[in-house]
């Protein structure tokens, strides 16, 4: 089979590219996805994420693990990633967050011309169909539906009010360039009457409305084995489908959109990467590129958990079963019940030092007890507060654990390899505990589960090293730049090779200060213009 563009990975970026490139009827597009279709009830139902995220069993989820982390007492971390059309947007909390304007200006200052805040903002807007409507910072005509939460719990509003009483500014929009404050998240969720309250994954937004296009071929349950080359030119992809190896040829380009773990893995399986890494697995070197798999960055997260008097949240009890049945029926009727929740309803972006120009921690207030990624369950009802370090200094790697293309990659985030990350996280935990102890939120809580009293520094450090882990935002392993260590240029073409690009979160040179799904969709929107040779959208505020 031969196509103009072959896209490997049907996640957030791949879904966008498949839709945008196939807008030109003269082009033939192939989208390759290892997972299933992603249109079932588990994906469409927001609260059903609790069945997919833990990875027990592996439902729409690669459910990776890290190597033992020295900074986390030698524990292996857990790395859920979406294995389904829509990718991780099909199994995430649906939170729509762009990051801080200065994050993108930093990209531009690192040599990524065209990626400043003013230049990427139009692509955020083009993607967005925001329930708030269009303005200078938001769009209302894009494929991705962005909504206010349908039925946030009273305890989440109490979280926001507790922050306000501590003089944290209240915000109803975290996506205007400066996200400092406390409020409720917006979510990638349908707000049109036909599908109100359903998850709006990237596939639901971009792929499914366009599957009728004759020039778009979607191959699901098809595992990419390697990129094929004709000299320095990428000529196609070898896949495994139904137990049979097949070649998908690319007339124009191969585009890797496998994410921060699978894109560098596929490059290395194809002989592109650090010579020493490939030699260790007996893979012949095709093109030396020392940055492949380097620069892994992720948001390390620590969770506080509390039991609650209130049972208007998720828990395990006799009452909970009846409540869920009632709420499920209501959700099917109008999309506005507790089943529509993202779980992480309350948001805060805070500075642990007043001298900072940007918030350096993010809080996710969750309407259930969260322990080990919901893999360890507790009887009763409760609430949790996640604290993550927004701009970690620690760096890690993604390499091959095996030359077998079906094996998981070797993931080493290097969590807490830099002491500064621990110091920020400790300060952030203390700020979060102050919010949890403030009225009216404190009136909902009965006791804290893991920390009995205000801990000293040594005790808090021990708790963090024993329980902290990712909050699912890995980036940077095929980073964009113009220096010797960069993997792709600002046009996302792989350095030193022809007809090969990477378009996904792996190209981020620095991790943004927030959740990464919306930025990944933006990257793909912008990449589509580059690939099609269209002029970049005018920067925000520019005179046309």
Protein backbone atom coordinates (compact mmCIF):
# COMPACT_ATOMS: atom_id res chain seq x y z
CA UNK A 1 0.00 0.00 0.00
CA UNK A 2 1.29 3.46 -0.88
CA UNK A 3 0.21 6.84 0.44
CA UNK A 4 1.44 10.41 0.32
CA UNK A 5 1.75 10.72 4.09
CA UNK A 6 2.05 7.87 6.58
CA UNK A 7 1.34 8.85 10.20
CA UNK A 8 2.49 6.47 12.93
CA UNK A 9 0.37 6.83 16.06
CA UNK A 10 -3.32 7.74 16.25
CA UNK A 11 -3.12 9.69 19.51
CA UNK A 12 -3.72 13.38 20.08
CA UNK A 13 -1.21 14.55 17.47
CA UNK A 14 -1.85 11.79 14.94
CA UNK A 15 -5.60 12.34 15.05
CA UNK A 16 -5.15 16.04 14.26
CA UNK A 17 -2.76 15.34 11.40
CA UNK A 18 -4.99 12.69 9.85
CA UNK A 19 -7.89 15.13 9.75
CA UNK A 20 -5.99 18.20 8.60
CA UNK A 21 -3.87 16.52 5.91
CA UNK A 22 -6.85 14.65 4.47
CA UNK A 23 -8.66 17.96 3.95
CA UNK A 24 -6.78 18.02 0.63
CA UNK A 25 -8.58 15.44 -1.54
CA UNK A 26 -5.53 15.18 -3.80
CA UNK A 27 -3.51 13.58 -0.98
CA UNK A 28 -3.76 10.02 0.30
CA UNK A 29 -3.22 9.69 4.06
CA UNK A 30 -2.62 6.58 6.16
CA UNK A 31 -2.96 6.65 9.95
CA UNK A 32 -1.44 3.67 11.80
CA UNK A 33 -2.59 2.91 15.35
CA UNK A 34 -1.50 -0.04 17.52
CA UNK A 35 -4.68 0.04 19.61
CA UNK A 36 -8.38 -0.27 18.92
CA UNK A 37 -11.00 2.17 17.65
CA UNK A 38 -11.60 4.21 20.82
CA UNK A 39 -15.29 4.79 20.20
CA UNK A 40 -16.73 2.52 22.89
CA UNK A 41 -18.66 3.44 26.00
CA UNK A 42 -15.61 3.20 28.29
CA UNK A 43 -13.90 5.99 26.34
CA UNK A 44 -17.02 8.10 25.85
CA UNK A 45 -17.95 7.96 29.55
CA UNK A 46 -15.71 10.35 31.50
CA UNK A 47 -15.92 8.56 34.86
CA UNK A 48 -15.03 5.23 33.21
CA UNK A 49 -11.42 6.41 33.11
CA UNK A 50 -11.10 4.66 36.48
CA UNK A 51 -11.43 1.35 34.63
CA UNK A 52 -8.71 2.19 32.08
CA UNK A 53 -6.10 4.24 33.92
CA UNK A 54 -4.87 1.63 36.44
CA UNK A 55 -3.91 -0.82 33.69
CA UNK A 56 -5.30 -3.82 35.57
CA UNK A 57 -6.22 -5.24 33.13
CA UNK A 58 -4.70 -3.28 30.25
CA UNK A 59 -7.71 -1.63 28.65
CA UNK A 60 -6.78 0.95 25.96
CA UNK A 61 -3.53 1.41 27.87
CA UNK A 62 0.12 0.51 27.30
CA UNK A 63 0.51 0.59 31.11
CA UNK A 64 4.29 1.03 31.03
CA UNK A 65 6.62 0.97 34.02
CA UNK A 66 9.85 2.86 34.59
CA UNK A 67 13.15 1.41 35.65
CA UNK A 68 13.75 1.59 39.42
CA UNK A 69 14.03 5.24 40.46
CA UNK A 70 16.87 6.06 42.84
CA UNK A 71 15.08 9.22 43.98
CA UNK A 72 11.95 7.24 44.81
CA UNK A 73 13.54 4.63 47.07
CA UNK A 74 14.22 2.32 44.14
CA UNK A 75 10.53 2.01 43.22
CA UNK A 76 9.38 1.46 39.66
CA UNK A 77 7.07 4.24 38.52
CA UNK A 78 3.89 3.66 36.54
CA UNK A 79 3.41 5.26 33.12
CA UNK A 80 -0.09 4.82 31.63
CA UNK A 81 -0.35 5.84 27.97
CA UNK A 82 -3.31 5.52 25.65
CA UNK A 83 -3.25 2.53 23.27
CA UNK A 84 -6.31 3.42 21.19
CA UNK A 85 -7.42 5.94 18.58
CA UNK A 86 -7.24 9.21 20.47
CA UNK A 87 -4.22 8.02 22.45
CA UNK A 88 -3.91 9.38 25.95
CA UNK A 89 -6.75 11.84 25.28
CA UNK A 90 -8.99 8.75 25.45
CA UNK A 91 -7.89 7.79 28.98
CA UNK A 92 -6.97 11.09 30.61
CA UNK A 93 -8.84 13.45 32.94
CA UNK A 94 -9.85 15.63 29.95
CA UNK A 95 -8.30 18.77 31.49
CA UNK A 96 -7.84 21.61 29.01
CA UNK A 97 -4.73 23.53 30.00
CA UNK A 98 -2.29 25.32 27.71
CA UNK A 99 0.47 26.33 30.10
CA UNK A 100 1.99 29.78 30.62
CA UNK A 101 2.72 32.21 27.80
CA UNK A 102 6.35 32.41 28.90
CA UNK A 103 6.72 28.65 28.39
CA UNK A 104 6.37 29.13 24.64
CA UNK A 105 8.48 32.27 24.54
CA UNK A 106 11.16 30.15 26.19
CA UNK A 107 10.90 27.65 23.34
CA UNK A 108 11.47 30.45 20.85
CA UNK A 109 14.44 31.74 22.85
CA UNK A 110 15.96 28.24 22.73
CA UNK A 111 16.12 28.47 18.93
CA UNK A 112 12.64 27.26 18.01
CA UNK A 113 11.62 30.09 15.72
CA UNK A 114 7.88 30.33 15.17
CA UNK A 115 6.91 28.77 18.52
CA UNK A 116 6.45 31.84 20.75
CA UNK A 117 3.16 32.38 22.59
CA UNK A 118 1.88 34.91 20.04
CA UNK A 119 2.69 32.48 17.24
CA UNK A 120 1.14 29.34 18.77
CA UNK A 121 -1.97 31.00 20.19
CA UNK A 122 -3.80 31.06 16.83
CA UNK A 123 -3.38 27.28 16.62
CA UNK A 124 -4.85 26.77 20.06
CA UNK A 125 -7.78 28.86 18.88
CA UNK A 126 -8.13 27.02 15.58
CA UNK A 127 -8.42 23.70 17.41
CA UNK A 128 -10.94 24.93 19.96
CA UNK A 129 -14.72 24.96 20.12
CA UNK A 130 -14.99 26.55 23.55
CA UNK A 131 -18.32 26.71 25.34
CA UNK A 132 -17.40 30.25 26.47
CA UNK A 133 -17.37 31.41 22.85
CA UNK A 134 -14.70 33.12 20.78
CA UNK A 135 -12.61 36.06 21.93
CA UNK A 136 -9.06 37.31 21.54
CA UNK A 137 -7.73 34.18 23.26
CA UNK A 138 -10.27 31.46 22.51
CA UNK A 139 -11.88 29.83 19.49
CA UNK A 140 -15.42 28.57 19.02
CA UNK A 141 -15.33 26.89 15.60
CA UNK A 142 -12.66 24.19 15.98
CA UNK A 143 -13.14 20.42 16.23
CA UNK A 144 -12.12 20.09 19.89
CA UNK A 145 -15.04 20.77 22.21
CA UNK A 146 -13.99 22.49 25.44
CA UNK A 147 -16.57 22.78 28.19
CA UNK A 148 -17.20 23.94 31.68
CA UNK A 149 -17.68 20.97 33.98
CA UNK A 150 -21.18 19.58 33.83
CA UNK A 151 -21.83 18.91 37.51
CA UNK A 152 -18.88 19.79 39.78
CA UNK A 153 -19.31 18.56 43.33
CA UNK A 154 -19.89 20.94 46.24
CA UNK A 155 -16.62 19.81 47.80
CA UNK A 156 -14.74 21.06 44.71
CA UNK A 157 -16.33 24.48 45.08
CA UNK A 158 -15.32 24.38 48.75
CA UNK A 159 -11.71 23.79 47.63
CA UNK A 160 -11.89 26.93 45.49
CA UNK A 161 -13.44 28.96 48.31
CA UNK A 162 -10.79 27.76 50.77
CA UNK A 163 -8.12 29.05 48.42
CA UNK A 164 -9.89 32.39 48.08
CA UNK A 165 -9.96 32.77 51.86
CA UNK A 166 -6.19 32.31 51.79
CA UNK A 167 -5.95 35.22 49.34
CA UNK A 168 -5.37 33.08 46.25
CA UNK A 169 -6.96 34.82 43.33
CA UNK A 170 -9.98 33.13 41.79
CA UNK A 171 -9.97 32.47 38.05
CA UNK A 172 -12.53 31.04 35.68
CA UNK A 173 -10.04 30.71 32.81
CA UNK A 174 -6.57 29.21 33.22
CA UNK A 175 -5.73 29.57 29.54
CA UNK A 176 -5.19 33.28 29.00
CA UNK A 177 -1.39 33.19 29.26
CA UNK A 178 -0.98 33.62 33.03
CA UNK A 179 -2.51 30.65 34.79
CA UNK A 180 -1.83 31.59 38.43
CA UNK A 181 -4.90 31.22 40.65
CA UNK A 182 -7.52 28.77 41.85
CA UNK A 183 -10.76 27.61 40.24
CA UNK A 184 -12.36 24.75 38.33
CA UNK A 185 -10.81 23.17 35.26
CA UNK A 186 -12.33 23.35 31.82
CA UNK A 187 -12.44 19.97 30.10
CA UNK A 188 -12.34 18.44 26.61
CA UNK A 189 -15.94 17.31 26.72
CA UNK A 190 -18.85 17.59 24.31
CA UNK A 191 -21.24 20.43 24.97
CA UNK A 192 -23.45 20.03 21.91
CA UNK A 193 -26.87 18.54 22.76
CA UNK A 194 -26.36 15.30 20.84
CA UNK A 195 -23.34 14.17 22.86
CA UNK A 196 -23.45 16.48 25.86
CA UNK A 197 -21.26 15.21 28.70
CA UNK A 198 -19.28 12.68 26.67
CA UNK A 199 -15.49 12.74 26.47
CA UNK A 200 -14.20 14.63 23.44
CA UNK A 201 -10.99 12.73 22.71
CA UNK A 202 -8.77 13.85 19.85
CA UNK A 203 -10.17 10.98 17.79
CA UNK A 204 -13.76 11.97 18.57
CA UNK A 205 -12.95 15.56 17.60
CA UNK A 206 -10.83 15.02 14.50
CA UNK A 207 -10.94 11.45 13.19
CA UNK A 208 -14.47 10.14 13.53
CA UNK A 209 -16.18 13.10 11.84
CA UNK A 210 -13.89 12.53 8.82
CA UNK A 211 -13.76 8.76 8.46
CA UNK A 212 -15.96 9.01 5.37
CA UNK A 213 -13.13 10.63 3.40
CA UNK A 214 -12.00 8.30 0.62
CA UNK A 215 -8.43 9.57 0.86
CA UNK A 216 -8.06 8.66 4.57
CA UNK A 217 -7.07 5.10 5.47
CA UNK A 218 -7.02 4.17 9.16
CA UNK A 219 -5.24 0.99 10.22
CA UNK A 220 -6.04 -0.01 13.81
CA UNK A 221 -4.43 -2.83 15.79
CA UNK A 222 -1.37 -2.32 13.60
CA UNK A 223 1.99 -2.16 15.36
CA UNK A 224 4.77 -0.16 13.68
CA UNK A 225 8.00 -2.19 13.64
CA UNK A 226 10.44 0.19 11.96
CA UNK A 227 10.78 3.11 9.59
CA UNK A 228 12.13 2.08 6.19
CA UNK A 229 14.75 4.18 4.42
CA UNK A 230 16.00 4.63 0.88
CA UNK A 231 19.39 6.11 1.71
CA UNK A 232 18.70 9.20 3.83
CA UNK A 233 15.06 9.34 2.82
CA UNK A 234 12.24 7.75 4.84
CA UNK A 235 10.30 5.65 2.35
CA UNK A 236 7.70 3.92 4.50
CA UNK A 237 6.91 1.92 7.60
CA UNK A 238 6.91 -1.80 8.29
CA UNK A 239 3.96 -2.85 10.43
CA UNK A 240 2.61 -5.98 12.05
CA UNK A 241 -1.12 -6.40 11.43
CA UNK A 242 -3.04 -9.56 12.26
CA UNK A 243 0.21 -11.48 12.68
CA UNK A 244 1.42 -10.49 9.20
CA UNK A 245 4.20 -8.05 8.34
CA UNK A 246 3.27 -5.40 5.79
CA UNK A 247 4.99 -2.40 4.23
CA UNK A 248 3.17 0.95 4.07
CA UNK A 249 5.01 3.13 1.57
CA UNK A 250 5.18 6.92 1.80
CA UNK A 251 5.56 9.02 -1.35
CA UNK A 252 6.07 12.28 0.53
CA UNK A 253 6.72 11.82 4.27
CA UNK A 254 6.63 9.50 7.23
CA UNK A 255 5.40 11.31 10.36
CA UNK A 256 5.99 9.85 13.81
CA UNK A 257 3.30 10.70 16.37
CA UNK A 258 3.82 7.95 18.91
CA UNK A 259 4.48 10.26 21.86
CA UNK A 260 7.41 10.79 24.20
CA UNK A 261 8.01 7.05 24.67
CA UNK A 262 7.13 5.41 21.37
CA UNK A 263 8.52 7.94 18.88
CA UNK A 264 12.11 7.70 20.18
CA UNK A 265 11.67 3.94 20.52
CA UNK A 266 10.67 3.61 16.86
CA UNK A 267 13.56 5.80 15.73
CA UNK A 268 15.99 3.62 17.64
CA UNK A 269 14.45 0.41 16.30
CA UNK A 270 15.01 1.94 12.84
CA UNK A 271 18.70 2.58 13.46
CA UNK A 272 18.39 6.27 14.29
CA UNK A 273 19.85 7.41 17.61
CA UNK A 274 22.91 7.26 19.81
CA UNK A 275 25.39 4.71 18.41
CA UNK A 276 26.11 3.28 21.85
CA UNK A 277 22.41 2.75 22.59
CA UNK A 278 21.83 0.91 19.32
CA UNK A 279 24.98 -1.19 19.61
CA UNK A 280 23.84 -2.37 23.04
CA UNK A 281 20.82 -3.98 21.37
CA UNK A 282 22.61 -5.22 18.25
CA UNK A 283 20.83 -2.75 15.97
CA UNK A 284 22.76 -1.51 12.94
CA UNK A 285 23.30 2.24 12.94
CA UNK A 286 21.58 4.00 10.05
CA UNK A 287 21.91 7.61 11.23
CA UNK A 288 23.64 8.91 14.35
CA UNK A 289 21.48 11.38 16.26
CA UNK A 290 22.61 11.79 19.84
CA UNK A 291 19.48 13.50 21.15
CA UNK A 292 17.08 10.63 20.45
CA UNK A 293 15.59 9.47 23.74
CA UNK A 294 17.37 12.12 25.79
CA UNK A 295 15.84 15.11 27.60
CA UNK A 296 12.85 13.19 29.07
CA UNK A 297 10.90 15.53 31.35
CA UNK A 298 7.79 14.74 33.35
CA UNK A 299 5.69 16.26 36.12
CA UNK A 300 6.47 14.45 39.36
CA UNK A 301 3.41 14.40 41.58
CA UNK A 302 2.61 13.77 45.24
CA UNK A 303 -0.91 13.11 46.50
CA UNK A 304 -2.59 14.04 49.77
CA UNK A 305 -5.68 11.98 50.59
CA UNK A 306 -8.50 12.53 53.10
CA UNK A 307 -11.61 10.77 54.26
CA UNK A 308 -14.77 12.86 54.01
CA UNK A 309 -18.07 13.15 55.85
CA UNK A 310 -19.67 14.01 52.55
CA UNK A 311 -20.60 11.12 50.25
CA UNK A 312 -21.45 13.25 47.24
CA UNK A 313 -18.27 12.01 45.61
CA UNK A 314 -16.74 8.74 44.42
CA UNK A 315 -16.05 6.01 46.94
CA UNK A 316 -16.56 2.39 47.84
CA UNK A 317 -19.63 1.82 49.98
CA UNK A 318 -23.09 0.29 49.87
CA UNK A 319 -24.51 3.72 49.12
CA UNK A 320 -22.00 4.34 46.33
CA UNK A 321 -23.38 1.57 44.13
CA UNK A 322 -26.91 2.93 44.19
CA UNK A 323 -25.63 6.46 43.64
CA UNK A 324 -23.61 5.44 40.59
CA UNK A 325 -26.59 3.69 39.04
CA UNK A 326 -28.76 6.77 39.53
CA UNK A 327 -26.06 9.09 38.22
CA UNK A 328 -25.41 6.88 35.19
CA UNK A 329 -29.06 7.03 34.21
CA UNK A 330 -29.06 10.79 34.61
CA UNK A 331 -25.88 11.12 32.52
CA UNK A 332 -27.44 9.16 29.68
CA UNK A 333 -30.43 11.49 29.87
CA UNK A 334 -28.77 14.92 29.92
CA UNK A 335 -24.99 14.47 30.26
CA UNK A 336 -24.85 16.47 33.47
CA UNK A 337 -24.45 13.98 36.30
CA UNK A 338 -21.47 12.95 38.40
CA UNK A 339 -20.60 10.46 35.62
CA UNK A 340 -19.46 13.45 33.55
CA UNK A 341 -16.76 14.35 36.07
CA UNK A 342 -13.07 14.57 35.18
CA UNK A 343 -12.41 13.46 38.80
CA UNK A 344 -9.82 16.26 39.02
CA UNK A 345 -12.35 19.08 39.33
CA UNK A 346 -10.46 21.72 41.29
CA UNK A 347 -7.39 23.52 39.93
CA UNK A 348 -4.70 25.74 41.33
CA UNK A 349 -1.46 27.13 39.93
CA UNK A 350 0.67 28.58 42.71
CA UNK A 351 4.08 30.10 43.35
CA UNK A 352 6.17 28.58 46.12
CA UNK A 353 8.26 31.75 46.10
CA UNK A 354 6.64 35.21 45.64
CA UNK A 355 9.65 36.33 43.62
CA UNK A 356 8.85 33.89 40.81
CA UNK A 357 7.37 35.20 37.56
CA UNK A 358 5.34 32.02 36.94
CA UNK A 359 3.53 29.51 39.11
CA UNK A 360 5.83 26.56 39.80
CA UNK A 361 3.33 24.05 41.21
CA UNK A 362 -0.05 22.79 40.04
CA UNK A 363 -2.80 21.30 42.20
CA UNK A 364 -5.44 18.84 41.02
CA UNK A 365 -8.28 18.48 43.54
CA UNK A 366 -9.89 15.07 43.03
CA UNK A 367 -13.30 13.92 44.28
CA UNK A 368 -12.10 10.50 45.42
CA UNK A 369 -9.29 8.87 47.37
CA UNK A 370 -6.36 8.39 44.99
CA UNK A 371 -3.65 5.93 45.99
CA UNK A 372 -1.08 4.54 43.53
CA UNK A 373 -2.95 5.69 40.40
CA UNK A 374 -6.23 4.20 41.68
CA UNK A 375 -4.54 0.79 41.79
CA UNK A 376 -4.86 0.63 45.56
CA UNK A 377 -8.48 1.06 46.68
CA UNK A 378 -9.89 2.20 50.04
CA UNK A 379 -13.28 1.54 51.57
CA UNK A 380 -15.33 4.66 52.13
CA UNK A 381 -15.43 8.11 50.59
CA UNK A 382 -12.80 10.80 50.34
CA UNK A 383 -10.96 13.44 48.38
CA UNK A 384 -7.39 13.97 47.25
CA UNK A 385 -5.10 16.80 46.27
CA UNK A 386 -2.28 16.26 43.79
CA UNK A 387 0.76 18.54 43.88
CA UNK A 388 3.19 18.53 40.94
CA UNK A 389 6.37 20.40 40.09
CA UNK A 390 5.68 22.35 36.90
CA UNK A 391 9.20 22.96 35.59
CA UNK A 392 11.39 20.11 36.86
CA UNK A 393 15.15 20.29 36.54
CA UNK A 394 15.51 16.49 36.58
CA UNK A 395 16.02 14.84 33.20
CA UNK A 396 15.66 11.26 32.07
CA UNK A 397 15.93 9.00 29.04
CA UNK A 398 13.97 6.61 26.86
CA UNK A 399 15.97 3.79 25.29
CA UNK A 400 15.48 0.25 24.06
CA UNK A 401 15.07 -2.54 26.58
CA UNK A 402 15.16 -4.98 23.69
CA UNK A 403 15.53 -5.10 19.92
CA UNK A 404 12.06 -6.65 19.86
CA UNK A 405 9.68 -4.00 18.44
CA UNK A 406 6.85 -5.43 20.54
CA UNK A 407 8.73 -4.96 23.81
CA UNK A 408 8.13 -1.92 26.01
CA UNK A 409 10.77 0.82 25.91
CA UNK A 410 13.16 1.38 28.79
CA UNK A 411 11.84 4.48 30.58
CA UNK A 412 14.01 6.30 33.11
CA UNK A 413 12.52 9.67 34.13
CA UNK A 414 15.33 10.35 36.63
CA UNK A 415 12.80 11.60 39.16
CA UNK A 416 14.34 13.78 41.92
CA UNK A 417 17.81 13.46 40.40
CA UNK A 418 17.97 17.22 41.01
CA UNK A 419 17.46 18.27 44.64
CA UNK A 420 15.72 21.48 43.58
CA UNK A 421 12.67 19.48 42.44
CA UNK A 422 12.28 17.94 45.89
CA UNK A 423 12.53 21.35 47.55
CA UNK A 424 9.80 22.81 45.30
CA UNK A 425 7.56 19.80 45.86
CA UNK A 426 7.94 20.01 49.63
CA UNK A 427 6.98 23.68 49.62
CA UNK A 428 4.05 22.88 47.37
CA UNK A 429 2.78 20.13 49.65
CA UNK A 430 2.78 22.53 52.60
CA UNK A 431 0.80 25.09 50.59
CA UNK A 432 -1.72 22.44 49.58
CA UNK A 433 -2.14 21.29 53.18
CA UNK A 434 -2.98 24.85 54.19
CA UNK A 435 -5.77 24.93 51.62
CA UNK A 436 -7.08 21.55 52.78
CA UNK A 437 -7.14 22.82 56.38
CA UNK A 438 -9.09 25.98 55.54
CA UNK A 439 -12.87 26.42 55.77
CA UNK A 440 -15.17 25.59 54.14
CA UNK A 441 -13.17 22.67 52.71
CA UNK A 442 -11.98 21.52 56.13
CA UNK A 443 -15.60 21.04 57.19
CA UNK A 444 -15.91 18.20 54.65
CA UNK A 445 -12.81 16.30 55.83
CA UNK A 446 -12.50 13.90 58.77
CA UNK A 447 -8.87 12.77 58.67
CA UNK A 448 -5.81 12.64 56.47
CA UNK A 449 -4.87 9.16 55.35
CA UNK A 450 -1.10 9.07 54.97
CA UNK A 451 0.29 11.97 57.03
CA UNK A 452 -1.00 12.05 60.59
CA UNK A 453 0.11 15.57 61.51
CA UNK A 454 2.14 18.49 60.19
CA UNK A 455 5.39 16.74 59.20
CA UNK A 456 8.90 18.04 59.70
CA UNK A 457 11.13 18.25 56.63
CA UNK A 458 12.70 14.82 57.08
CA UNK A 459 9.31 13.13 57.49
CA UNK A 460 7.81 14.92 54.49
CA UNK A 461 10.80 14.02 52.32
CA UNK A 462 10.41 10.38 53.33
CA UNK A 463 6.70 10.46 52.40
CA UNK A 464 7.49 11.98 49.00
CA UNK A 465 10.21 9.47 48.18
CA UNK A 466 7.89 6.64 49.24
CA UNK A 467 4.78 7.71 47.31
CA UNK A 468 5.45 10.31 44.59
CA UNK A 469 5.10 9.38 40.91
CA UNK A 470 4.16 10.84 37.54
CA UNK A 471 1.00 12.74 36.75
CA UNK A 472 1.33 11.61 33.11
CA UNK A 473 3.02 14.44 31.20
CA UNK A 474 6.20 12.99 29.60
CA UNK A 475 7.77 15.13 26.87
CA UNK A 476 11.05 16.14 25.26
CA UNK A 477 12.64 12.92 23.97
CA UNK A 478 12.82 14.09 20.32
CA UNK A 479 13.31 17.70 21.22
CA UNK A 480 13.04 20.56 18.82
CA UNK A 481 16.01 22.88 18.32
CA UNK A 482 18.92 23.94 16.15
CA UNK A 483 21.82 22.73 18.31
CA UNK A 484 23.74 19.45 18.01
CA UNK A 485 21.59 17.69 20.61
CA UNK A 486 18.25 18.47 18.97
CA UNK A 487 16.39 15.72 17.12
CA UNK A 488 14.09 17.87 14.96
CA UNK A 489 14.24 21.44 13.75
CA UNK A 490 11.56 24.09 14.27
CA UNK A 491 9.85 22.62 11.17
CA UNK A 492 9.79 19.25 13.02
CA UNK A 493 11.90 17.54 10.33
CA UNK A 494 14.39 15.04 11.73
CA UNK A 495 17.90 16.46 11.45
CA UNK A 496 20.00 14.80 8.78
CA UNK A 497 17.20 12.76 7.22
CA UNK A 498 14.68 13.50 4.50
CA UNK A 499 10.91 12.95 4.43
CA UNK A 500 10.75 12.19 8.17
CA UNK A 501 9.15 14.32 10.89
CA UNK A 502 8.16 13.92 14.50
CA UNK A 503 4.92 15.59 15.57
CA UNK A 504 3.91 14.96 19.19
CA UNK A 505 4.84 15.91 22.77
CA UNK A 506 8.32 14.48 22.34
CA UNK A 507 9.38 17.58 20.36
CA UNK A 508 8.83 19.97 23.29
CA UNK A 509 12.23 21.36 24.27
CA UNK A 510 10.92 22.24 27.73
CA UNK A 511 7.93 20.91 29.60
CA UNK A 512 5.09 23.42 29.74
CA UNK A 513 3.67 24.53 33.08
CA UNK A 514 0.50 22.48 32.92
CA UNK A 515 -1.21 19.47 31.36
CA UNK A 516 0.14 18.48 27.96
CA UNK A 517 -2.82 17.32 25.85
CA UNK A 518 -3.92 20.76 24.60
CA UNK A 519 -0.31 21.76 23.72
CA UNK A 520 0.15 18.50 21.81
CA UNK A 521 -2.97 19.18 19.75
CA UNK A 522 -1.66 22.71 19.09
CA UNK A 523 1.69 21.30 17.91
CA UNK A 524 -0.09 19.08 15.40
CA UNK A 525 -2.32 21.92 14.17
CA UNK A 526 0.75 24.02 13.48
CA UNK A 527 2.62 21.10 11.95
CA UNK A 528 -0.21 20.50 9.48
CA UNK A 529 0.35 23.95 7.99
CA UNK A 530 4.09 23.27 7.74
CA UNK A 531 3.58 19.90 6.07
CA UNK A 532 1.05 21.25 3.57
CA UNK A 533 3.24 24.26 2.80
CA UNK A 534 0.62 26.73 3.99
CA UNK A 535 1.69 30.07 5.50
CA UNK A 536 1.72 30.13 9.27
CA UNK A 537 -1.31 31.72 10.86
CA UNK A 538 -0.69 35.40 11.75
CA UNK A 539 0.60 35.82 15.31
CA UNK A 540 -1.95 36.83 17.91
CA UNK A 541 -2.46 40.58 17.84
CA UNK A 542 -0.85 40.96 14.42
CA UNK A 543 -2.36 43.28 11.85
CA UNK A 544 -3.37 41.31 8.78
